[in-house]
């Protein structure tokens, strides 16, 4: 079953996010979040962006559950 992962850009609350179910998904989420940070998004954790690269900040955000995401099946799999 093929799936796709989407980030919610504006979503942020004090509760922890959904648990990441695989190392692969962790890396994909961190990469997408890192791109958001590079494009000007504010970090969702208390960390000095001058001392840490966006990839490190994004990985820490995902590990702390501050990045919310949804897992959806691809359309072509639903037709089978």
Protein backbone atom coordinates (compact mmCIF):
# COMPACT_ATOMS: atom_id res chain seq x y z
CA UNK A 1 0.00 0.00 0.00
CA UNK A 2 1.48 3.33 -1.04
CA UNK A 3 0.93 6.33 1.19
CA UNK A 4 1.81 10.00 1.18
CA UNK A 5 2.58 12.26 4.12
CA UNK A 6 1.38 15.85 4.38
CA UNK A 7 2.39 18.51 6.88
CA UNK A 8 0.00 20.99 8.41
CA UNK A 9 1.81 24.32 8.15
CA UNK A 10 -0.27 26.51 10.43
CA UNK A 11 -1.12 23.88 13.01
CA UNK A 12 0.48 24.22 16.41
CA UNK A 13 -0.84 23.47 19.83
CA UNK A 14 0.62 22.52 23.18
CA UNK A 15 -0.26 18.85 22.87
CA UNK A 16 2.08 16.31 21.35
CA UNK A 17 1.52 15.25 17.77
CA UNK A 18 0.98 11.90 16.19
CA UNK A 19 3.74 9.36 16.77
CA UNK A 20 6.00 8.68 13.78
CA UNK A 21 5.69 5.02 12.80
CA UNK A 22 8.96 4.54 10.88
CA UNK A 23 12.43 5.98 10.43
CA UNK A 24 11.64 6.67 6.79
CA UNK A 25 8.60 8.79 7.68
CA UNK A 26 10.65 10.64 10.32
CA UNK A 27 13.20 11.67 7.68
CA UNK A 28 10.52 12.68 5.15
CA UNK A 29 8.71 14.81 7.74
CA UNK A 30 11.93 16.46 8.91
CA UNK A 31 12.94 17.22 5.31
CA UNK A 32 9.58 18.85 4.53
CA UNK A 33 9.66 20.84 7.77
CA UNK A 34 13.27 21.89 7.08
CA UNK A 35 12.16 23.36 3.75
CA UNK A 36 9.45 25.33 5.56
CA UNK A 37 12.03 26.68 8.01
CA UNK A 38 14.38 27.64 5.18
CA UNK A 39 11.52 29.56 3.55
CA UNK A 40 10.98 31.63 6.69
CA UNK A 41 8.71 29.61 9.01
CA UNK A 42 9.29 30.12 12.72
CA UNK A 43 10.66 27.23 14.82
CA UNK A 44 8.04 25.49 16.99
CA UNK A 45 10.53 24.78 19.76
CA UNK A 46 12.76 26.99 21.89
CA UNK A 47 16.06 26.84 20.03
CA UNK A 48 18.51 29.41 18.68
CA UNK A 49 18.19 29.37 14.86
CA UNK A 50 21.55 31.14 14.62
CA UNK A 51 23.34 28.20 16.27
CA UNK A 52 21.41 25.30 14.69
CA UNK A 53 20.75 24.45 11.04
CA UNK A 54 17.15 24.09 9.81
CA UNK A 55 17.57 20.33 9.39
CA UNK A 56 18.51 19.91 13.06
CA UNK A 57 15.65 22.14 14.21
CA UNK A 58 13.17 20.23 12.01
CA UNK A 59 14.33 16.85 13.26
CA UNK A 60 14.02 17.98 16.87
CA UNK A 61 10.52 19.35 16.21
CA UNK A 62 9.38 16.05 14.70
CA UNK A 63 10.90 14.00 17.53
CA UNK A 64 9.15 16.20 20.14
CA UNK A 65 5.79 15.81 18.36
CA UNK A 66 5.48 19.48 17.39
CA UNK A 67 4.99 18.74 13.66
CA UNK A 68 1.47 17.58 12.82
CA UNK A 69 0.91 15.38 9.79
CA UNK A 70 -1.64 13.17 8.10
CA UNK A 71 -1.12 9.92 6.23
CA UNK A 72 -3.30 9.48 3.17
CA UNK A 73 -3.49 6.66 0.66
CA UNK A 74 -2.70 7.56 -2.93
CA UNK A 75 -5.69 7.79 -5.27
CA UNK A 76 -4.47 4.99 -7.56
CA UNK A 77 -4.46 2.49 -4.67
CA UNK A 78 -8.06 3.28 -3.79
CA UNK A 79 -9.26 2.32 -7.28
CA UNK A 80 -7.87 -1.24 -7.09
